[in-house]
């Protein structure tokens, strides 16, 4: 894992959306999980399922970005995904006023609650997008 990737993981842990690719997903999850002390075999199973889905999807799914967030008391890593049948991340807001992206949210605290779906963001004064919903 490069120093640049670690730096992006650190930024993601502050709630900023940062670049991530399919090939970096596992390293980023391991690094973040180690820092927040949430690595379990259940997390590994969800990671394996997510990677398999990325590889076998006929929709050419590509991870473009990631961000860490807390949902209630659960620590999560959200991966923003691009696919040929979906709008690119931040290109639409579905009338909400908040740009969105199709995403996979890996729940490190309770892996059972990991899921795919749209997530919404706002660009803040620091120049980064932050997840708002």
N, C-alpha and C. Protein backbone atom coordinates (compact mmCIF):
# COMPACT_ATOMS: atom_id res chain seq x y z
N UNK A 1 0.85 -1.17 0.00
CA UNK A 1 0.00 0.00 0.00
C UNK A 1 0.90 1.24 0.00
N UNK A 2 0.61 2.14 -0.91
CA UNK A 2 1.46 3.33 -1.03
C UNK A 2 1.11 4.38 0.03
N UNK A 3 2.01 5.30 0.22
CA UNK A 3 1.78 6.40 1.14
C UNK A 3 0.60 7.26 0.69
N UNK A 4 0.44 7.40 -0.63
CA UNK A 4 -0.68 8.17 -1.19
C UNK A 4 -2.01 7.50 -0.83
N UNK A 5 -2.06 6.18 -0.93
CA UNK A 5 -3.29 5.46 -0.60
C UNK A 5 -3.61 5.60 0.88
N UNK A 6 -2.59 5.48 1.73
CA UNK A 6 -2.80 5.66 3.17
C UNK A 6 -3.31 7.07 3.46
N UNK A 7 -2.75 8.06 2.80
CA UNK A 7 -3.19 9.45 3.01
C UNK A 7 -4.65 9.61 2.60
N UNK A 8 -5.04 9.00 1.48
CA UNK A 8 -6.44 9.08 1.07
C UNK A 8 -7.36 8.37 2.06
N UNK A 9 -6.90 7.26 2.63
CA UNK A 9 -7.68 6.57 3.67
C UNK A 9 -7.87 7.47 4.89
N UNK A 10 -6.80 8.15 5.27
CA UNK A 10 -6.89 9.07 6.42
C UNK A 10 -7.88 10.20 6.14
N UNK A 11 -7.85 10.74 4.93
CA UNK A 11 -8.82 11.77 4.55
C UNK A 11 -10.24 11.21 4.57
N UNK A 12 -10.41 9.99 4.05
CA UNK A 12 -11.74 9.37 4.04
C UNK A 12 -12.27 9.22 5.46
N UNK A 13 -11.39 8.92 6.40
CA UNK A 13 -11.82 8.75 7.79
C UNK A 13 -12.23 10.07 8.45
N UNK A 14 -11.97 11.19 7.78
CA UNK A 14 -12.44 12.48 8.30
C UNK A 14 -13.74 12.89 7.62
N UNK A 15 -14.32 11.99 6.83
CA UNK A 15 -15.60 12.26 6.20
C UNK A 15 -15.52 12.85 4.81
N UNK A 16 -14.33 12.91 4.25
CA UNK A 16 -14.15 13.46 2.91
C UNK A 16 -14.18 12.34 1.87
N UNK A 17 -14.88 12.59 0.76
CA UNK A 17 -14.90 11.63 -0.34
C UNK A 17 -13.59 11.75 -1.09
N UNK A 18 -12.89 10.62 -1.24
CA UNK A 18 -11.60 10.59 -1.92
C UNK A 18 -11.58 9.49 -2.97
N UNK A 19 -10.65 9.61 -3.90
CA UNK A 19 -10.49 8.65 -4.98
C UNK A 19 -10.17 7.26 -4.44
N UNK A 20 -10.75 6.26 -5.09
CA UNK A 20 -10.45 4.85 -4.79
C UNK A 20 -10.79 4.06 -6.04
N UNK A 21 -10.05 3.00 -6.29
CA UNK A 21 -10.30 2.15 -7.46
C UNK A 21 -10.57 0.72 -7.01
N UNK A 22 -11.08 -0.08 -7.93
CA UNK A 22 -11.35 -1.49 -7.63
C UNK A 22 -10.11 -2.18 -7.05
N UNK A 23 -8.95 -1.87 -7.61
CA UNK A 23 -7.73 -2.55 -7.17
C UNK A 23 -7.27 -2.10 -5.78
N UNK A 24 -7.78 -0.98 -5.29
CA UNK A 24 -7.38 -0.47 -3.97
C UNK A 24 -8.36 -0.82 -2.85
N UNK A 25 -9.52 -1.34 -3.21
CA UNK A 25 -10.59 -1.57 -2.23
C UNK A 25 -10.12 -2.39 -1.04
N UNK A 26 -9.51 -3.52 -1.28
CA UNK A 26 -9.12 -4.41 -0.19
C UNK A 26 -8.09 -3.74 0.73
N UNK A 27 -7.06 -3.12 0.15
CA UNK A 27 -6.06 -2.44 0.97
C UNK A 27 -6.69 -1.33 1.81
N UNK A 28 -7.60 -0.57 1.20
CA UNK A 28 -8.24 0.52 1.93
C UNK A 28 -9.11 0.00 3.07
N UNK A 29 -9.87 -1.05 2.81
CA UNK A 29 -10.71 -1.63 3.86
C UNK A 29 -9.85 -2.16 5.00
N UNK A 30 -8.78 -2.86 4.67
CA UNK A 30 -7.90 -3.40 5.72
C UNK A 30 -7.27 -2.29 6.55
N UNK A 31 -6.80 -1.25 5.86
CA UNK A 31 -6.15 -0.15 6.57
C UNK A 31 -7.14 0.55 7.50
N UNK A 32 -8.29 0.92 6.98
CA UNK A 32 -9.29 1.63 7.78
C UNK A 32 -9.80 0.74 8.91
N UNK A 33 -10.07 -0.52 8.62
CA UNK A 33 -10.55 -1.44 9.65
C UNK A 33 -9.55 -1.60 10.78
N UNK A 34 -8.26 -1.64 10.43
CA UNK A 34 -7.22 -1.75 11.45
C UNK A 34 -7.20 -0.50 12.32
N UNK A 35 -7.28 0.67 11.70
CA UNK A 35 -7.24 1.93 12.44
C UNK A 35 -8.43 2.04 13.40
N UNK A 36 -9.63 1.68 12.92
CA UNK A 36 -10.83 1.81 13.76
C UNK A 36 -11.10 0.53 14.56
N UNK A 37 -10.23 -0.45 14.43
CA UNK A 37 -10.29 -1.71 15.18
C UNK A 37 -11.63 -2.43 14.99
N UNK A 38 -12.00 -2.64 13.71
CA UNK A 38 -13.28 -3.28 13.39
C UNK A 38 -13.14 -4.50 12.48
N UNK A 39 -11.94 -5.02 12.27
CA UNK A 39 -11.78 -6.15 11.35
C UNK A 39 -12.29 -7.43 11.99
N UNK A 40 -13.20 -8.12 11.31
CA UNK A 40 -13.73 -9.41 11.79
C UNK A 40 -13.85 -10.35 10.60
N UNK A 41 -14.11 -11.61 10.87
CA UNK A 41 -14.34 -12.56 9.77
C UNK A 41 -15.63 -12.21 9.03
N UNK A 42 -16.63 -11.64 9.72
CA UNK A 42 -17.86 -11.23 9.05
C UNK A 42 -17.58 -10.10 8.06
N UNK A 43 -16.69 -9.18 8.42
CA UNK A 43 -16.30 -8.11 7.49
C UNK A 43 -15.61 -8.73 6.29
N UNK A 44 -14.70 -9.68 6.51
CA UNK A 44 -14.01 -10.34 5.41
C UNK A 44 -14.99 -11.01 4.46
N UNK A 45 -16.02 -11.65 4.98
CA UNK A 45 -17.03 -12.29 4.14
C UNK A 45 -17.75 -11.27 3.27
N UNK A 46 -18.11 -10.12 3.83
CA UNK A 46 -18.78 -9.06 3.06
C UNK A 46 -17.86 -8.49 2.00
N UNK A 47 -16.59 -8.32 2.34
CA UNK A 47 -15.61 -7.82 1.38
C UNK A 47 -15.50 -8.81 0.22
N UNK A 48 -15.41 -10.09 0.51
CA UNK A 48 -15.33 -11.10 -0.53
C UNK A 48 -16.56 -11.06 -1.44
N UNK A 49 -17.74 -10.93 -0.85
CA UNK A 49 -18.99 -10.86 -1.63
C UNK A 49 -18.99 -9.62 -2.52
N UNK A 50 -18.57 -8.49 -1.97
CA UNK A 50 -18.53 -7.24 -2.73
C UNK A 50 -17.57 -7.37 -3.91
N UNK A 51 -16.38 -7.89 -3.67
CA UNK A 51 -15.40 -8.04 -4.75
C UNK A 51 -15.90 -8.99 -5.82
N UNK A 52 -16.54 -10.07 -5.42
CA UNK A 52 -17.10 -11.02 -6.38
C UNK A 52 -18.18 -10.35 -7.23
N UNK A 53 -19.01 -9.55 -6.59
CA UNK A 53 -20.06 -8.83 -7.32
C UNK A 53 -19.45 -7.86 -8.33
N UNK A 54 -18.40 -7.14 -7.94
CA UNK A 54 -17.73 -6.23 -8.86
C UNK A 54 -17.19 -6.97 -10.08
N UNK A 55 -16.60 -8.15 -9.84
CA UNK A 55 -15.98 -8.93 -10.92
C UNK A 55 -17.01 -9.56 -11.85
N UNK A 56 -18.13 -10.01 -11.31
CA UNK A 56 -19.07 -10.79 -12.11
C UNK A 56 -20.24 -10.01 -12.66
N UNK A 57 -20.39 -8.76 -12.26
CA UNK A 57 -21.50 -7.96 -12.75
C UNK A 57 -21.36 -7.71 -14.25
N UNK A 58 -22.46 -7.82 -14.95
CA UNK A 58 -22.45 -7.55 -16.38
C UNK A 58 -22.48 -6.05 -16.65
N UNK A 59 -22.59 -5.24 -15.60
CA UNK A 59 -22.74 -3.80 -15.74
C UNK A 59 -21.40 -3.06 -15.63
N UNK A 60 -20.28 -3.79 -15.60
CA UNK A 60 -18.95 -3.17 -15.57
C UNK A 60 -18.82 -2.16 -14.42
N UNK A 61 -19.04 -2.63 -13.20
CA UNK A 61 -19.00 -1.76 -12.02
C UNK A 61 -17.56 -1.34 -11.69
N UNK A 62 -17.40 -0.06 -11.40
CA UNK A 62 -16.09 0.47 -11.05
C UNK A 62 -16.22 1.34 -9.80
N UNK A 63 -15.41 1.05 -8.80
CA UNK A 63 -15.34 1.91 -7.62
C UNK A 63 -14.58 3.15 -8.03
N UNK A 64 -15.15 4.33 -7.73
CA UNK A 64 -14.52 5.60 -8.10
C UNK A 64 -14.03 6.37 -6.88
N UNK A 65 -14.73 6.20 -5.74
CA UNK A 65 -14.39 6.99 -4.55
C UNK A 65 -14.81 6.23 -3.31
N UNK A 66 -14.38 6.75 -2.16
CA UNK A 66 -14.80 6.17 -0.88
C UNK A 66 -14.86 7.28 0.16
N UNK A 67 -15.61 6.99 1.23
CA UNK A 67 -15.71 7.89 2.36
C UNK A 67 -16.11 7.07 3.58
N UNK A 68 -15.64 7.47 4.73
CA UNK A 68 -16.06 6.82 5.98
C UNK A 68 -17.14 7.68 6.61
N UNK A 69 -18.08 7.02 7.22
CA UNK A 69 -19.17 7.73 7.87
C UNK A 69 -19.71 6.89 9.01
N UNK A 70 -20.45 7.53 9.88
CA UNK A 70 -21.08 6.83 10.99
C UNK A 70 -22.59 6.89 10.78
N UNK A 71 -23.23 5.74 10.83
CA UNK A 71 -24.67 5.66 10.74
C UNK A 71 -25.15 5.15 12.08
N UNK A 72 -25.90 6.00 12.79
CA UNK A 72 -26.21 5.77 14.20
C UNK A 72 -24.88 5.59 14.91
N UNK A 73 -24.57 4.41 15.43
CA UNK A 73 -23.27 4.22 16.08
C UNK A 73 -22.37 3.28 15.28
N UNK A 74 -22.78 2.97 14.06
CA UNK A 74 -22.02 2.02 13.24
C UNK A 74 -21.00 2.73 12.35
N UNK A 75 -19.79 2.20 12.33
CA UNK A 75 -18.72 2.71 11.48
C UNK A 75 -18.86 2.07 10.11
N UNK A 76 -18.89 2.91 9.07
CA UNK A 76 -19.10 2.42 7.70
C UNK A 76 -18.07 3.01 6.75
N UNK A 77 -17.82 2.25 5.67
CA UNK A 77 -17.05 2.76 4.53
C UNK A 77 -18.00 2.70 3.35
N UNK A 78 -18.21 3.84 2.71
CA UNK A 78 -19.09 3.88 1.55
C UNK A 78 -18.23 4.01 0.30
N UNK A 79 -18.46 3.10 -0.66
CA UNK A 79 -17.75 3.09 -1.93
C UNK A 79 -18.69 3.59 -3.01
N UNK A 80 -18.34 4.69 -3.67
CA UNK A 80 -19.14 5.25 -4.74
C UNK A 80 -18.80 4.51 -6.03
N UNK A 81 -19.84 4.06 -6.71
CA UNK A 81 -19.68 3.15 -7.84
C UNK A 81 -20.18 3.78 -9.14
N UNK A 82 -19.44 3.53 -10.20
CA UNK A 82 -19.85 3.95 -11.53
C UNK A 82 -20.18 2.69 -12.33
N UNK A 83 -21.25 2.77 -13.12
CA UNK A 83 -21.65 1.65 -13.98
C UNK A 83 -22.26 2.21 -15.25
N UNK A 84 -22.22 1.43 -16.31
CA UNK A 84 -22.71 1.95 -17.59
C UNK A 84 -24.21 2.23 -17.57
N UNK A 85 -24.97 1.59 -16.71
CA UNK A 85 -26.42 1.79 -16.67
C UNK A 85 -26.86 2.81 -15.62
N UNK A 86 -25.92 3.44 -14.93
CA UNK A 86 -26.24 4.38 -13.85
C UNK A 86 -25.61 5.74 -14.13
N UNK A 87 -26.22 6.80 -13.57
CA UNK A 87 -25.56 8.11 -13.69
C UNK A 87 -24.19 8.07 -12.99
N UNK A 88 -23.24 8.81 -13.51
CA UNK A 88 -21.93 8.90 -12.86
C UNK A 88 -22.09 9.57 -11.51
N UNK A 89 -21.20 9.26 -10.57
CA UNK A 89 -21.29 9.90 -9.25
C UNK A 89 -21.34 11.43 -9.37
N UNK A 90 -22.26 12.02 -8.64
CA UNK A 90 -22.46 13.48 -8.51
C UNK A 90 -23.07 14.13 -9.75
N UNK A 91 -23.51 13.35 -10.74
CA UNK A 91 -24.09 13.94 -11.95
C UNK A 91 -25.59 14.18 -11.83
N UNK A 92 -26.25 13.59 -10.85
CA UNK A 92 -27.68 13.81 -10.67
C UNK A 92 -27.98 13.96 -9.19
N UNK A 93 -29.13 14.55 -8.90
CA UNK A 93 -29.54 14.68 -7.50
C UNK A 93 -30.98 14.20 -7.29
N UNK A 94 -31.61 13.70 -8.35
CA UNK A 94 -32.99 13.22 -8.29
C UNK A 94 -33.93 14.25 -7.66
N UNK A 95 -33.62 15.54 -7.87
CA UNK A 95 -34.46 16.61 -7.36
C UNK A 95 -34.27 16.94 -5.89
N UNK A 96 -33.30 16.33 -5.24
CA UNK A 96 -33.10 16.54 -3.80
C UNK A 96 -32.25 17.77 -3.48
N UNK A 97 -31.48 18.24 -4.45
CA UNK A 97 -30.54 19.32 -4.20
C UNK A 97 -29.18 18.84 -3.73
N UNK A 98 -29.06 17.53 -3.51
CA UNK A 98 -27.80 16.94 -3.08
C UNK A 98 -27.33 15.95 -4.15
N UNK A 99 -26.14 16.14 -4.71
CA UNK A 99 -25.64 15.18 -5.70
C UNK A 99 -25.58 13.78 -5.08
N UNK A 100 -25.83 12.77 -5.92
CA UNK A 100 -25.84 11.42 -5.37
C UNK A 100 -24.96 10.49 -6.18
N UNK A 101 -24.81 9.29 -5.64
CA UNK A 101 -24.06 8.24 -6.30
C UNK A 101 -24.62 6.89 -5.87
N UNK A 102 -24.65 5.95 -6.82
CA UNK A 102 -24.93 4.58 -6.45
C UNK A 102 -23.72 4.10 -5.67
N UNK A 103 -23.94 3.43 -4.55
CA UNK A 103 -22.85 3.09 -3.64
C UNK A 103 -23.02 1.74 -2.98
N UNK A 104 -21.93 1.25 -2.44
CA UNK A 104 -21.96 0.10 -1.55
C UNK A 104 -21.46 0.59 -0.21
N UNK A 105 -22.28 0.45 0.82
CA UNK A 105 -21.88 0.85 2.17
C UNK A 105 -21.54 -0.41 2.95
N UNK A 106 -20.26 -0.53 3.29
CA UNK A 106 -19.76 -1.64 4.09
C UNK A 106 -19.85 -1.24 5.55
N UNK A 107 -20.71 -1.89 6.30
CA UNK A 107 -20.90 -1.59 7.71
C UNK A 107 -19.89 -2.43 8.50
N UNK A 108 -18.86 -1.78 9.03
CA UNK A 108 -17.82 -2.49 9.76
C UNK A 108 -18.28 -2.94 11.14
N UNK A 109 -19.23 -2.22 11.73
CA UNK A 109 -19.72 -2.56 13.06
C UNK A 109 -20.69 -3.72 13.03
N UNK A 110 -21.51 -3.77 12.00
CA UNK A 110 -22.50 -4.84 11.85
C UNK A 110 -22.57 -5.20 10.36
N UNK A 111 -21.66 -6.06 9.89
CA UNK A 111 -21.56 -6.35 8.46
C UNK A 111 -22.87 -6.79 7.81
N UNK A 112 -23.75 -7.39 8.59
CA UNK A 112 -25.04 -7.84 8.06
C UNK A 112 -25.81 -6.68 7.43
N UNK A 113 -25.62 -5.46 7.92
CA UNK A 113 -26.34 -4.29 7.43
C UNK A 113 -25.63 -3.58 6.27
N UNK A 114 -24.59 -4.18 5.70
CA UNK A 114 -23.95 -3.61 4.52
C UNK A 114 -24.93 -3.68 3.36
N UNK A 115 -24.91 -2.65 2.48
CA UNK A 115 -25.91 -2.64 1.41
C UNK A 115 -25.52 -1.75 0.24
N UNK A 116 -26.17 -2.00 -0.90
CA UNK A 116 -26.07 -1.16 -2.08
C UNK A 116 -27.23 -0.18 -2.08
N UNK A 117 -27.02 1.01 -2.64
CA UNK A 117 -28.10 1.98 -2.79
C UNK A 117 -27.55 3.35 -3.09
N UNK A 118 -28.45 4.29 -3.32
CA UNK A 118 -28.05 5.67 -3.58
C UNK A 118 -27.67 6.36 -2.28
N UNK A 119 -26.60 7.14 -2.33
CA UNK A 119 -26.17 7.95 -1.19
C UNK A 119 -26.02 9.38 -1.69
N UNK A 120 -26.27 10.35 -0.80
CA UNK A 120 -26.31 11.75 -1.18
C UNK A 120 -25.20 12.53 -0.48
N UNK A 121 -24.75 13.60 -1.15
CA UNK A 121 -23.56 14.33 -0.72
C UNK A 121 -23.75 15.83 -0.86
N UNK A 122 -22.90 16.58 -0.15
CA UNK A 122 -22.81 18.02 -0.38
C UNK A 122 -21.33 18.38 -0.45
N UNK A 123 -21.05 19.36 -1.31
CA UNK A 123 -19.68 19.85 -1.41
C UNK A 123 -19.53 20.96 -0.39
N UNK A 124 -18.53 20.83 0.47
CA UNK A 124 -18.34 21.80 1.55
C UNK A 124 -17.19 22.75 1.24
N UNK A 125 -16.99 23.69 2.12
CA UNK A 125 -15.99 24.74 1.91
C UNK A 125 -14.56 24.20 1.85
N UNK A 126 -14.34 22.95 2.33
CA UNK A 126 -13.00 22.37 2.24
C UNK A 126 -12.70 21.83 0.84
N UNK A 127 -13.71 21.92 -0.07
CA UNK A 127 -13.53 21.46 -1.44
C UNK A 127 -13.84 20.00 -1.67
N UNK A 128 -14.21 19.28 -0.62
CA UNK A 128 -14.53 17.86 -0.71
C UNK A 128 -16.04 17.65 -0.59
N UNK A 129 -16.49 16.55 -1.20
CA UNK A 129 -17.86 16.10 -0.94
C UNK A 129 -17.87 15.36 0.38
N UNK A 130 -19.00 15.48 1.10
CA UNK A 130 -19.24 14.78 2.35
C UNK A 130 -20.60 14.12 2.27
N UNK A 131 -20.72 12.90 2.77
CA UNK A 131 -22.00 12.21 2.73
C UNK A 131 -22.99 12.87 3.70
N UNK A 132 -24.22 13.11 3.20
CA UNK A 132 -25.26 13.69 4.04
C UNK A 132 -26.44 12.74 4.25
N UNK A 133 -26.55 11.73 3.42
CA UNK A 133 -27.65 10.78 3.56
C UNK A 133 -27.34 9.51 2.80
